[in-house]
C-alpha atoms as a PDB file:
ATOM      1  CA  MET A   1      34.244 -17.604   9.757  1.00  0.00           C
ATOM      2  CA  SER A   2      31.303 -16.499   7.750  1.00  0.00           C
ATOM      3  CA  ARG A   3      28.160 -15.474   9.557  1.00  0.00           C
ATOM      4  CA  ARG A   4      25.313 -18.003   9.354  1.00  0.00           C
ATOM      5  CA  LYS A   5      22.260 -16.847   7.508  1.00  0.00           C
ATOM      6  CA  LYS A   6      19.092 -16.536   9.601  1.00  0.00           C
ATOM      7  CA  GLY A   7      16.201 -18.097   7.785  1.00  0.00           C
ATOM      8  CA  GLU A   8      15.646 -19.414   4.211  1.00  0.00           C
ATOM      9  CA  ASP A   9      15.633 -17.829   0.911  1.00  0.00           C
ATOM     10  CA  VAL A  10      11.963 -17.367   0.320  1.00  0.00           C
ATOM     11  CA  SER A  11      10.729 -14.876  -2.269  1.00  0.00           C
ATOM     12  CA  GLY A  12       7.135 -13.797  -3.112  1.00  0.00           C
ATOM     13  CA  TRP A  13       4.103 -11.891  -1.783  1.00  0.00           C
ATOM     14  CA  ILE A  14       1.610 -12.804   0.892  1.00  0.00           C
ATOM     15  CA  VAL A  15      -1.629 -10.839   0.855  1.00  0.00           C
ATOM     16  CA  LEU A  16      -2.399 -10.815   4.496  1.00  0.00           C
ATOM     17  CA  ASP A  17      -5.858  -9.908   5.946  1.00  0.00           C
ATOM     18  CA  LYS A  18      -4.581  -8.156   8.965  1.00  0.00           C
ATOM     19  CA  PRO A  19      -6.735  -8.269  12.034  1.00  0.00           C
ATOM     20  CA  GLU A  20      -7.511  -5.338  14.293  1.00  0.00           C
ATOM     21  CA  GLU A  21      -5.197  -4.653  17.159  1.00  0.00           C
ATOM     22  CA  LEU A  22      -2.128  -6.125  15.371  1.00  0.00           C
ATOM     23  CA  THR A  23       0.572  -3.689  14.297  1.00  0.00           C
ATOM     24  CA  SER A  24       1.970  -3.932  10.716  1.00  0.00           C
ATOM     25  CA  THR A  25       5.417  -4.652  12.093  1.00  0.00           C
ATOM     26  CA  ASN A  26       4.209  -7.602  14.190  1.00  0.00           C
ATOM     27  CA  ALA A  27       2.224  -8.856  11.198  1.00  0.00           C
ATOM     28  CA  VAL A  28       5.401  -8.947   9.181  1.00  0.00           C
ATOM     29  CA  SER A  29       7.262 -10.775  11.864  1.00  0.00           C
ATOM     30  CA  ALA A  30       4.518 -13.306  12.172  1.00  0.00           C
ATOM     31  CA  VAL A  31       4.495 -14.050   8.375  1.00  0.00           C
ATOM     32  CA  ARG A  32       8.219 -14.227   8.244  1.00  0.00           C
ATOM     33  CA  ARG A  33       8.230 -16.869  10.987  1.00  0.00           C
ATOM     34  CA  VAL A  34       5.637 -18.931   9.142  1.00  0.00           C
ATOM     35  CA  PHE A  35       8.036 -19.210   6.174  1.00  0.00           C
ATOM     36  CA  ASN A  36      11.274 -19.094   8.163  1.00  0.00           C
ATOM     37  CA  ALA A  37      12.212 -16.243   5.651  1.00  0.00           C
ATOM     38  CA  ASN A  38      15.410 -14.287   6.004  1.00  0.00           C
ATOM     39  CA  LYS A  39      13.989 -11.147   4.744  1.00  0.00           C
ATOM     40  CA  ALA A  40      10.523  -9.579   4.887  1.00  0.00           C
ATOM     41  CA  GLY A  41       8.760  -6.112   4.738  1.00  0.00           C
ATOM     42  CA  HIS A  42       5.373  -4.573   3.966  1.00  0.00           C
ATOM     43  CA  SER A  43       4.210  -2.101   1.466  1.00  0.00           C
ATOM     44  CA  GLY A  44       2.498   0.556   3.644  1.00  0.00           C
ATOM     45  CA  THR A  45       1.427   0.722   7.271  1.00  0.00           C
ATOM     46  CA  LEU A  46      -2.018  -0.270   8.222  1.00  0.00           C
ATOM     47  CA  ASP A  47      -3.003   1.212  11.523  1.00  0.00           C
ATOM     48  CA  PRO A  48      -3.454  -1.326  14.437  1.00  0.00           C
ATOM     49  CA  LEU A  49      -7.172  -0.257  14.667  1.00  0.00           C
ATOM     50  CA  ALA A  50      -7.656  -1.117  11.015  1.00  0.00           C
ATOM     51  CA  SER A  51      -8.004  -4.380   9.297  1.00  0.00           C
ATOM     52  CA  GLY A  52      -7.782  -5.713   5.799  1.00  0.00           C
ATOM     53  CA  VAL A  53      -5.183  -5.974   2.980  1.00  0.00           C
ATOM     54  CA  LEU A  54      -1.480  -5.829   4.093  1.00  0.00           C
ATOM     55  CA  PRO A  55       0.797  -7.098   1.225  1.00  0.00           C
ATOM     56  CA  ILE A  56       3.883  -8.717   2.849  1.00  0.00           C
ATOM     57  CA  ALA A  57       6.983  -9.041   0.721  1.00  0.00           C
ATOM     58  CA  LEU A  58       9.451 -11.929   1.358  1.00  0.00           C
ATOM     59  CA  GLY A  59      12.955 -12.095   0.009  1.00  0.00           C
ATOM     60  CA  GLU A  60      13.477 -10.634  -3.420  1.00  0.00           C
ATOM     61  CA  ALA A  61       9.995  -9.307  -3.422  1.00  0.00           C
ATOM     62  CA  THR A  62      11.256  -6.555  -1.038  1.00  0.00           C
ATOM     63  CA  LYS A  63      12.875  -5.025  -4.103  1.00  0.00           C
ATOM     64  CA  THR A  64       9.443  -4.187  -5.526  1.00  0.00           C
ATOM     65  CA  VAL A  65       7.977  -2.555  -2.408  1.00  0.00           C
ATOM     66  CA  PRO A  66       8.691   1.017  -3.630  1.00  0.00           C
ATOM     67  CA  TRP A  67       6.502   0.360  -6.624  1.00  0.00           C
ATOM     68  CA  LEU A  68       3.568  -0.896  -4.577  1.00  0.00           C
ATOM     69  CA  MET A  69       3.956   2.003  -2.210  1.00  0.00           C
ATOM     70  CA  GLU A  70       2.707   4.172  -5.198  1.00  0.00           C
ATOM     71  CA  ALA A  71      -0.310   2.014  -5.899  1.00  0.00           C
ATOM     72  CA  ASP A  72      -3.982   3.042  -5.542  1.00  0.00           C
ATOM     73  CA  LYS A  73      -5.805   1.823  -2.518  1.00  0.00           C
ATOM     74  CA  ALA A  74      -9.463   0.953  -1.713  1.00  0.00           C
ATOM     75  CA  TYR A  75     -11.089   1.319   1.801  1.00  0.00           C
ATOM     76  CA  ARG A  76     -14.409   0.865   3.519  1.00  0.00           C
ATOM     77  CA  PHE A  77     -14.950   2.717   6.752  1.00  0.00           C
ATOM     78  CA  THR A  78     -17.477   3.696   9.269  1.00  0.00           C
ATOM     79  CA  ILE A  79     -17.962   7.244  10.568  1.00  0.00           C
ATOM     80  CA  ALA A  80     -19.281   7.737  14.003  1.00  0.00           C
ATOM     81  CA  TRP A  81     -21.048  11.163  14.297  1.00  0.00           C
ATOM     82  CA  GLY A  82     -21.222  13.326  17.434  1.00  0.00           C
ATOM     83  CA  VAL A  83     -17.705  12.960  18.762  1.00  0.00           C
ATOM     84  CA  SER A  84     -14.301  14.165  17.388  1.00  0.00           C
ATOM     85  CA  THR A  85     -11.105  12.703  18.863  1.00  0.00           C
ATOM     86  CA  ALA A  86      -7.423  13.917  18.925  1.00  0.00           C
ATOM     87  CA  THR A  87      -6.410  10.973  16.712  1.00  0.00           C
ATOM     88  CA  GLN A  88      -9.704  11.135  14.477  1.00  0.00           C
ATOM     89  CA  ASP A  89     -10.333   7.455  15.347  1.00  0.00           C
ATOM     90  CA  ARG A  90     -11.892   5.672  18.291  1.00  0.00           C
ATOM     91  CA  GLU A  91      -8.672   5.403  20.211  1.00  0.00           C
ATOM     92  CA  GLY A  92      -8.102   9.097  20.756  1.00  0.00           C
ATOM     93  CA  GLU A  93      -9.138  11.444  23.565  1.00  0.00           C
ATOM     94  CA  VAL A  94     -12.507  13.200  22.931  1.00  0.00           C
ATOM     95  CA  VAL A  95     -11.831  16.828  21.848  1.00  0.00           C
ATOM     96  CA  ALA A  96     -15.257  17.924  20.777  1.00  0.00           C
ATOM     97  CA  ARG A  97     -18.947  16.893  20.806  1.00  0.00           C
ATOM     98  CA  SER A  98     -22.026  17.818  18.648  1.00  0.00           C
ATOM     99  CA  ASP A  99     -25.728  16.932  18.316  1.00  0.00           C
ATOM    100  CA  VAL A 100     -25.512  17.339  14.596  1.00  0.00           C
ATOM    101  CA  ARG A 101     -26.323  14.143  12.658  1.00  0.00           C
ATOM    102  CA  PRO A 102     -26.036  14.787   8.949  1.00  0.00           C
ATOM    103  CA  ALA A 103     -28.824  13.359   6.551  1.00  0.00           C
ATOM    104  CA  ALA A 104     -27.619  10.798   4.000  1.00  0.00           C
ATOM    105  CA  SER A 105     -28.371  13.282   1.182  1.00  0.00           C
ATOM    106  CA  ASP A 106     -26.115  15.742   2.845  1.00  0.00           C
ATOM    107  CA  ILE A 107     -23.401  13.412   3.198  1.00  0.00           C
ATOM    108  CA  VAL A 108     -23.544  12.433  -0.429  1.00  0.00           C
ATOM    109  CA  ALA A 109     -23.512  16.048  -1.546  1.00  0.00           C
ATOM    110  CA  ALA A 110     -20.663  16.915   0.699  1.00  0.00           C
ATOM    111  CA  LEU A 111     -18.615  13.902  -0.172  1.00  0.00           C
ATOM    112  CA  ALA A 112     -18.837  14.547  -3.869  1.00  0.00           C
ATOM    113  CA  LYS A 113     -16.803  17.862  -3.260  1.00  0.00           C
ATOM    114  CA  PHE A 114     -13.765  15.818  -2.115  1.00  0.00           C
ATOM    115  CA  VAL A 115     -13.560  13.693  -5.305  1.00  0.00           C
ATOM    116  CA  GLY A 116     -10.614  14.563  -7.505  1.00  0.00           C
ATOM    117  CA  GLU A 117      -7.333  16.160  -6.689  1.00  0.00           C
ATOM    118  CA  ILE A 118      -7.567  18.032  -3.490  1.00  0.00           C
ATOM    119  CA  ASP A 119      -5.425  19.559  -0.823  1.00  0.00           C
ATOM    120  CA  GLN A 120      -5.315  17.517   2.396  1.00  0.00           C
ATOM    121  CA  ALA A 121      -3.550  18.186   5.581  1.00  0.00           C
ATOM    122  CA  PRO A 122      -2.339  14.883   7.225  1.00  0.00           C
ATOM    123  CA  PRO A 123      -3.637  14.197  10.737  1.00  0.00           C
ATOM    124  CA  ALA A 124      -1.408  15.344  13.545  1.00  0.00           C
ATOM    125  CA  PHE A 125      -1.213  11.706  14.668  1.00  0.00           C
ATOM    126  CA  SER A 126       0.525  10.433  11.462  1.00  0.00           C
ATOM    127  CA  ALA A 127       3.849   9.139  10.472  1.00  0.00           C
ATOM    128  CA  VAL A 128       4.810  12.344   8.532  1.00  0.00           C
ATOM    129  CA  LYS A 129       8.104  13.707   9.631  1.00  0.00           C
ATOM    130  CA  VAL A 130       8.495  17.197  11.143  1.00  0.00           C
ATOM    131  CA  ASP A 131      12.162  18.319  11.437  1.00  0.00           C
ATOM    132  CA  GLY A 132      13.144  14.693  11.514  1.00  0.00           C
ATOM    133  CA  GLU A 133      10.671  13.526  14.057  1.00  0.00           C
ATOM    134  CA  ARG A 134       7.317  11.642  13.545  1.00  0.00           C
ATOM    135  CA  ALA A 135       4.363  13.819  13.865  1.00  0.00           C
ATOM    136  CA  TYR A 136       2.631  11.303  16.129  1.00  0.00           C
ATOM    137  CA  ASP A 137       5.552  11.423  18.543  1.00  0.00           C
ATOM    138  CA  LEU A 138       5.257  15.178  18.752  1.00  0.00           C
ATOM    139  CA  ALA A 139       1.459  15.015  19.174  1.00  0.00           C
ATOM    140  CA  ARG A 140       1.735  12.413  21.830  1.00  0.00           C
ATOM    141  CA  ALA A 141       4.224  14.611  23.720  1.00  0.00           C
ATOM    142  CA  GLY A 142       1.591  17.334  23.787  1.00  0.00           C
ATOM    143  CA  GLU A 143       3.146  19.534  21.062  1.00  0.00           C
ATOM    144  CA  ALA A 144       0.919  21.463  18.742  1.00  0.00           C
ATOM    145  CA  VAL A 145       1.387  19.845  15.262  1.00  0.00           C
ATOM    146  CA  GLU A 146       0.157  21.518  12.117  1.00  0.00           C
ATOM    147  CA  LEU A 147       1.061  19.755   8.950  1.00  0.00           C
ATOM    148  CA  ALA A 148       0.928  21.495   5.551  1.00  0.00           C
ATOM    149  CA  PRO A 149      -1.692  20.382   3.050  1.00  0.00           C
ATOM    150  CA  ARG A 150      -0.592  17.932   0.285  1.00  0.00           C
ATOM    151  CA  LYS A 151      -2.035  17.233  -3.163  1.00  0.00           C
ATOM    152  CA  VAL A 152      -3.785  13.866  -2.955  1.00  0.00           C
ATOM    153  CA  VAL A 153      -6.309  12.117  -5.167  1.00  0.00           C
ATOM    154  CA  LEU A 154      -9.731  10.622  -4.199  1.00  0.00           C
ATOM    155  CA  TYR A 155     -10.899   8.759  -7.314  1.00  0.00           C
ATOM    156  CA  ASP A 156     -14.412   7.789  -6.006  1.00  0.00           C
ATOM    157  CA  ALA A 157     -16.405   7.762  -2.909  1.00  0.00           C
ATOM    158  CA  THR A 158     -19.735   6.107  -2.222  1.00  0.00           C
ATOM    159  CA  LEU A 159     -22.010   6.342   0.779  1.00  0.00           C
ATOM    160  CA  GLU A 160     -22.930   2.611   1.155  1.00  0.00           C
ATOM    161  CA  ALA A 161     -25.084   2.650   4.217  1.00  0.00           C
ATOM    162  CA  THR A 162     -26.459   4.645   7.189  1.00  0.00           C
ATOM    163  CA  PRO A 163     -27.149   1.979   9.661  1.00  0.00           C
ATOM    164  CA  ASP A 164     -28.506   4.584  12.115  1.00  0.00           C
ATOM    165  CA  ALA A 165     -28.408   8.335  12.782  1.00  0.00           C
ATOM    166  CA  ASP A 166     -25.042   7.957  14.440  1.00  0.00           C
ATOM    167  CA  HIS A 167     -23.090   6.173  11.704  1.00  0.00           C
ATOM    168  CA  ALA A 168     -22.383   6.189   7.930  1.00  0.00           C
ATOM    169  CA  VAL A 169     -20.512   3.600   6.026  1.00  0.00           C
ATOM    170  CA  ILE A 170     -18.368   4.900   3.057  1.00  0.00           C
ATOM    171  CA  ALA A 171     -16.249   3.187   0.475  1.00  0.00           C
ATOM    172  CA  VAL A 172     -13.508   4.942  -1.315  1.00  0.00           C
ATOM    173  CA  ARG A 173     -10.729   4.427  -3.869  1.00  0.00           C
ATOM    174  CA  CYS A 174      -7.687   6.777  -3.512  1.00  0.00           C
ATOM    175  CA  GLY A 175      -4.146   7.422  -4.340  1.00  0.00           C
ATOM    176  CA  LYS A 176      -0.887   7.557  -2.526  1.00  0.00           C
ATOM    177  CA  GLY A 177      -0.689   9.562   0.730  1.00  0.00           C
ATOM    178  CA  PHE A 178      -4.459   9.804   1.262  1.00  0.00           C
ATOM    179  CA  TYR A 179      -5.615   9.814   4.826  1.00  0.00           C
ATOM    180  CA  ILE A 180      -9.064   8.463   5.717  1.00  0.00           C
ATOM    181  CA  ARG A 181      -9.078  10.040   9.027  1.00  0.00           C
ATOM    182  CA  ALA A 182      -8.268  13.360   7.387  1.00  0.00           C
ATOM    183  CA  LEU A 183     -11.186  12.871   4.941  1.00  0.00           C
ATOM    184  CA  VAL A 184     -13.497  12.158   7.955  1.00  0.00           C
ATOM    185  CA  ARG A 185     -12.253  15.300   9.775  1.00  0.00           C
ATOM    186  CA  ASP A 186     -12.782  17.578   6.698  1.00  0.00           C
ATOM    187  CA  LEU A 187     -16.042  15.976   5.761  1.00  0.00           C
ATOM    188  CA  ALA A 188     -17.432  16.583   9.295  1.00  0.00           C
ATOM    189  CA  ALA A 189     -16.245  20.160   9.150  1.00  0.00           C
ATOM    190  CA  ALA A 190     -18.010  20.732   5.869  1.00  0.00           C
ATOM    191  CA  LEU A 191     -21.238  19.298   7.396  1.00  0.00           C
ATOM    192  CA  GLY A 192     -20.958  21.339  10.561  1.00  0.00           C
ATOM    193  CA  ALA A 193     -20.583  18.168  12.576  1.00  0.00           C
ATOM    194  CA  GLN A 194     -18.108  16.342  14.786  1.00  0.00           C
ATOM    195  CA  ALA A 195     -17.088  12.812  13.890  1.00  0.00           C
ATOM    196  CA  HIS A 196     -14.332  10.150  13.963  1.00  0.00           C
ATOM    197  CA  VAL A 197     -13.422   6.789  12.201  1.00  0.00           C
ATOM    198  CA  SER A 198     -14.944   4.034  14.271  1.00  0.00           C
ATOM    199  CA  ALA A 199     -14.036   1.212  11.822  1.00  0.00           C
ATOM    200  CA  LEU A 200     -11.612   0.944   8.964  1.00  0.00           C
ATOM    201  CA  ARG A 201     -10.967  -1.874   6.473  1.00  0.00           C
ATOM    202  CA  ARG A 202      -8.576  -1.774   3.531  1.00  0.00           C
ATOM    203  CA  LEU A 203      -9.941  -3.683   0.592  1.00  0.00           C
ATOM    204  CA  ALA A 204      -7.084  -3.306  -1.922  1.00  0.00           C
ATOM    205  CA  VAL A 205      -3.569  -2.132  -2.469  1.00  0.00           C
ATOM    206  CA  GLY A 206      -2.792  -2.063  -6.283  1.00  0.00           C
ATOM    207  CA  PRO A 207      -3.276  -5.671  -7.710  1.00  0.00           C
ATOM    208  CA  PHE A 208      -3.693  -7.130  -4.226  1.00  0.00           C
ATOM    209  CA  THR A 209      -7.271  -7.425  -3.088  1.00  0.00           C
ATOM    210  CA  VAL A 210      -9.152  -8.748  -0.097  1.00  0.00           C
ATOM    211  CA  GLU A 211     -10.422 -11.594  -2.186  1.00  0.00           C
ATOM    212  CA  LYS A 212      -6.843 -12.795  -2.683  1.00  0.00           C
ATOM    213  CA  SER A 213      -6.007 -12.319   1.079  1.00  0.00           C
ATOM    214  CA  ILE A 214      -5.565 -14.797   3.892  1.00  0.00           C
ATOM    215  CA  SER A 215      -6.010 -14.498   7.604  1.00  0.00           C
ATOM    216  CA  LEU A 216      -2.960 -14.862   9.848  1.00  0.00           C
ATOM    217  CA  ASP A 217      -4.552 -17.831  11.624  1.00  0.00           C
ATOM    218  CA  ALA A 218      -5.305 -19.616   8.337  1.00  0.00           C
ATOM    219  CA  LEU A 219      -1.691 -18.971   7.199  1.00  0.00           C
ATOM    220  CA  LYS A 220      -0.230 -20.334  10.371  1.00  0.00           C
ATOM    221  CA  GLU A 221      -2.435 -23.446   9.995  1.00  0.00           C
ATOM    222  CA  LEU A 222      -1.185 -23.895   6.432  1.00  0.00           C
ATOM    223  CA  GLY A 223       2.308 -23.432   7.788  1.00  0.00           C
ATOM    224  CA  HIS A 224       1.839 -26.362  10.241  1.00  0.00           C
ATOM    225  CA  LYS A 225       0.753 -28.562   7.365  1.00  0.00           C
ATOM    226  CA  GLY A 226       3.728 -27.500   5.228  1.00  0.00           C
ATOM    227  CA  ALA A 227       1.301 -25.899   2.705  1.00  0.00           C
ATOM    228  CA  ALA A 228       1.908 -22.158   3.280  1.00  0.00           C
ATOM    229  CA  PHE A 229       3.832 -21.824  -0.018  1.00  0.00           C
ATOM    230  CA  GLU A 230       0.460 -22.444  -1.828  1.00  0.00           C
ATOM    231  CA  ARG A 231      -0.505 -18.800  -0.874  1.00  0.00           C
ATOM    232  CA  LEU A 232       2.792 -17.205  -1.910  1.00  0.00           C
ATOM    233  CA  LEU A 233       2.353 -15.006  -5.007  1.00  0.00           C
ATOM    234  CA  PRO A 234       5.227 -14.416  -7.541  1.00  0.00           C
ATOM    235  CA  VAL A 235       7.594 -11.412  -7.117  1.00  0.00           C
ATOM    236  CA  GLU A 236       6.372  -9.802 -10.220  1.00  0.00           C
ATOM    237  CA  THR A 237       2.775  -9.578  -9.014  1.00  0.00           C
ATOM    238  CA  ALA A 238       3.433  -6.168  -7.574  1.00  0.00           C
ATOM    239  CA  LEU A 239       4.573  -5.032 -10.996  1.00  0.00           C
ATOM    240  CA  ALA A 240       1.364  -5.620 -12.801  1.00  0.00           C
ATOM    241  CA  ASP A 241       1.019  -2.205 -14.333  1.00  0.00           C
ATOM    242  CA  ILE A 242       4.563  -1.862 -15.431  1.00  0.00           C
ATOM    243  CA  PRO A 243       5.327  -2.582 -19.112  1.00  0.00           C
ATOM    244  CA  ALA A 244       6.826  -6.199 -19.492  1.00  0.00           C
ATOM    245  CA  LEU A 245       9.671  -7.198 -21.673  1.00  0.00           C
ATOM    246  CA  ALA A 246       9.933 -10.771 -22.667  1.00  0.00           C
ATOM    247  CA  ILE A 247      13.585 -11.887 -23.038  1.00  0.00           C
ATOM    248  CA  ASN A 248      15.569 -15.136 -23.653  1.00  0.00           C
ATOM    249  CA  GLY A 249      17.885 -16.952 -21.471  1.00  0.00           C
ATOM    250  CA  GLU A 250      21.093 -15.304 -22.969  1.00  0.00           C
ATOM    251  CA  ASP A 251      19.660 -11.886 -22.182  1.00  0.00           C
ATOM    252  CA  ALA A 252      18.590 -12.917 -18.765  1.00  0.00           C
ATOM    253  CA  PHE A 253      22.201 -14.029 -18.046  1.00  0.00           C
ATOM    254  CA  ARG A 254      23.427 -10.637 -19.025  1.00  0.00           C
ATOM    255  CA  LEU A 255      20.949  -8.848 -16.944  1.00  0.00           C
ATOM    256  CA  LYS A 256      21.801 -10.900 -13.861  1.00  0.00           C
ATOM    257  CA  GLN A 257      25.409  -9.717 -14.316  1.00  0.00           C
ATOM    258  CA  GLY A 258      24.041  -6.024 -14.337  1.00  0.00           C
ATOM    259  CA  ARG A 259      24.854  -5.566 -18.085  1.00  0.00           C
ATOM    260  CA  PRO A 260      22.354  -3.737 -20.351  1.00  0.00           C
ATOM    261  CA  ILE A 261      20.776  -5.516 -23.373  1.00  0.00           C
ATOM    262  CA  VAL A 262      20.040  -4.122 -26.804  1.00  0.00           C
ATOM    263  CA  LEU A 263      16.389  -4.155 -27.862  1.00  0.00           C
ATOM    264  CA  LEU A 264      14.989  -4.364 -31.348  1.00  0.00           C
ATOM    265  CA  PRO A 265      13.333  -1.127 -32.699  1.00  0.00           C
ATOM    266  CA  HIS A 266       9.797  -2.655 -32.760  1.00  0.00           C
ATOM    267  CA  VAL A 267      10.201  -3.791 -29.196  1.00  0.00           C
ATOM    268  CA  VAL A 268      11.238  -0.305 -28.127  1.00  0.00           C
ATOM    269  CA  GLU A 269       8.257   1.205 -29.963  1.00  0.00           C
ATOM    270  CA  ASP A 270       5.821  -1.307 -28.266  1.00  0.00           C
ATOM    271  CA  LEU A 271       7.243  -0.367 -24.837  1.00  0.00           C
ATOM    272  CA  LYS A 272       6.950   3.302 -25.535  1.00  0.00           C
ATOM    273  CA  ALA A 273       3.255   3.090 -26.132  1.00  0.00           C
ATOM    274  CA  LYS A 274       2.905   1.653 -22.695  1.00  0.00           C
ATOM    275  CA  PHE A 275       4.987   4.146 -20.758  1.00  0.00           C
ATOM    276  CA  ARG A 276       3.315   6.686 -18.506  1.00  0.00           C
ATOM    277  CA  PRO A 277       4.611   9.400 -16.197  1.00  0.00           C
ATOM    278  CA  ARG A 278       5.457   8.038 -12.768  1.00  0.00           C
ATOM    279  CA  THR A 279       7.755   8.662  -9.865  1.00  0.00           C
ATOM    280  CA  ILE A 280       9.037   5.878  -7.625  1.00  0.00           C
ATOM    281  CA  ALA A 281      10.849   6.723  -4.309  1.00  0.00           C
ATOM    282  CA  GLY A 282      11.425  10.218  -5.596  1.00  0.00           C
ATOM    283  CA  GLN A 283      13.011   9.121  -8.972  1.00  0.00           C
ATOM    284  CA  ASP A 284      11.656   9.320 -12.426  1.00  0.00           C
ATOM    285  CA  ALA A 285      10.378   5.904 -13.528  1.00  0.00           C
ATOM    286  CA  SER A 286       8.394   6.957 -16.636  1.00  0.00           C
ATOM    287  CA  ARG A 287      10.512   4.636 -18.834  1.00  0.00           C
ATOM    288  CA  ALA A 288      10.678   1.709 -16.531  1.00  0.00           C
ATOM    289  CA  ALA A 289       9.922  -1.943 -17.479  1.00  0.00           C
ATOM    290  CA  VAL A 290      10.258  -5.339 -16.007  1.00  0.00           C
ATOM    291  CA  ALA A 291      12.182  -7.990 -17.917  1.00  0.00           C
ATOM    292  CA  LEU A 292      10.688 -11.479 -17.788  1.00  0.00           C
ATOM    293  CA  CYS A 293      12.185 -14.719 -18.859  1.00  0.00           C
ATOM    294  CA  GLU A 294       9.515 -17.575 -19.205  1.00  0.00           C
ATOM    295  CA  GLY A 295       7.250 -15.477 -17.053  1.00  0.00           C
ATOM    296  CA  GLN A 296       9.653 -15.023 -14.102  1.00  0.00           C
ATOM    297  CA  ALA A 297      10.946 -11.575 -13.141  1.00  0.00           C
ATOM    298  CA  ILE A 298      14.600 -11.094 -13.986  1.00  0.00           C
ATOM    299  CA  ALA A 299      15.176  -7.347 -13.565  1.00  0.00           C
ATOM    300  CA  LEU A 300      13.645  -3.835 -13.250  1.00  0.00           C
ATOM    301  CA  GLY A 301      15.222  -1.270 -15.459  1.00  0.00           C
ATOM    302  CA  ASP A 302      14.912   1.674 -17.795  1.00  0.00           C
ATOM    303  CA  VAL A 303      14.540   1.673 -21.548  1.00  0.00           C
ATOM    304  CA  ARG A 304      16.688   4.420 -23.146  1.00  0.00           C
ATOM    305  CA  ALA A 305      18.546   4.775 -26.446  1.00  0.00           C
ATOM    306  CA  GLY A 306      17.338   1.355 -27.748  1.00  0.00           C
ATOM    307  CA  ARG A 307      18.631  -0.500 -24.615  1.00  0.00           C
ATOM    308  CA  PHE A 308      17.352  -1.915 -21.353  1.00  0.00           C
ATOM    309  CA  LYS A 309      19.536  -1.128 -18.493  1.00  0.00           C
ATOM    310  CA  PRO A 310      18.823  -2.966 -15.238  1.00  0.00           C
ATOM    311  CA  THR A 311      18.385  -1.023 -12.011  1.00  0.00           C
ATOM    312  CA  ARG A 312      17.274  -3.884  -9.735  1.00  0.00           C
ATOM    313  CA  VAL A 313      18.228  -7.507 -10.459  1.00  0.00           C
ATOM    314  CA  PHE A 314      16.227 -10.424  -8.946  1.00  0.00           C
ATOM    315  CA  GLN A 315      18.132 -13.478  -7.660  1.00  0.00           C
ATOM    316  CA  LEU A 316      15.396 -16.059  -8.021  1.00  0.00           C
ATOM    317  CA  SER A 317      15.613 -19.867  -8.490  1.00  0.00           C
ATOM    318  CA  SER A 318      13.612 -21.344 -11.220  1.00  0.00           C
ATOM    319  CA  LYS A 319      11.027 -22.847  -8.710  1.00  0.00           C
ATOM    320  CA  GLU A 320      10.093 -19.387  -7.179  1.00  0.00           C
END
């Protein structure tokens, strides 16, 4: 007997405005239940103490998660001066105190030095693996964890407010692998102060922004009314910055069988002009494109030697 499938074939993206205290894994499970979807995943963990944009992929959209993992992100966070913690957030044990309260002008000047490509050591309490184990597991066990610096990018950083001497509100836009807690740690050190992150909100992940998001309570309410699908974004939404190739039904049929298609010379030249260096899940994706038929994603693939060869094929019905 064949095994009965758990859940429905639902494909697309939900931009969840994750509340504080909820883990990313539990958020995915909650959204999956709303849609009774048979497959779901997210595009990058958001700490339980943080709120904001958590893009959740359902069904075939999970095939595009690696692409969104590489996307730029935007955050707004609050620094609490005077106390540093083991985790660099309000949850951790206090490890140092200081009476230093940096002036706004000093914060702006120090912050500017972190903009651009920098070397940043991830926090000890992070998901980075050390000899096969998560750094946070080692840190919680009392082991000394020192993680090697990595190249990361901070595109811009703005001091938005200083509500009082003990707090500063900062907004940033950064690349993959950037840790806000590490920035606060290093910024405090540069200012001769102690500090931690007291509030963190993610405002955007690639094309998914907080303006497009929905709270879990609101999504559940729509689910009770049978209207949750109104908030489901197409699979291809996560591929907004990838060159698109418009194809006909015949080529779509070939791609769905895993067969390459031949491209006209002018189509190849048009795509080449849009290519840029990129690495996805450790693989070169500088010549990647997404094939669309009547606006719907058919396949991801590479353009080489005048052909488009599919690497991931989407099994979507015409209504999705």
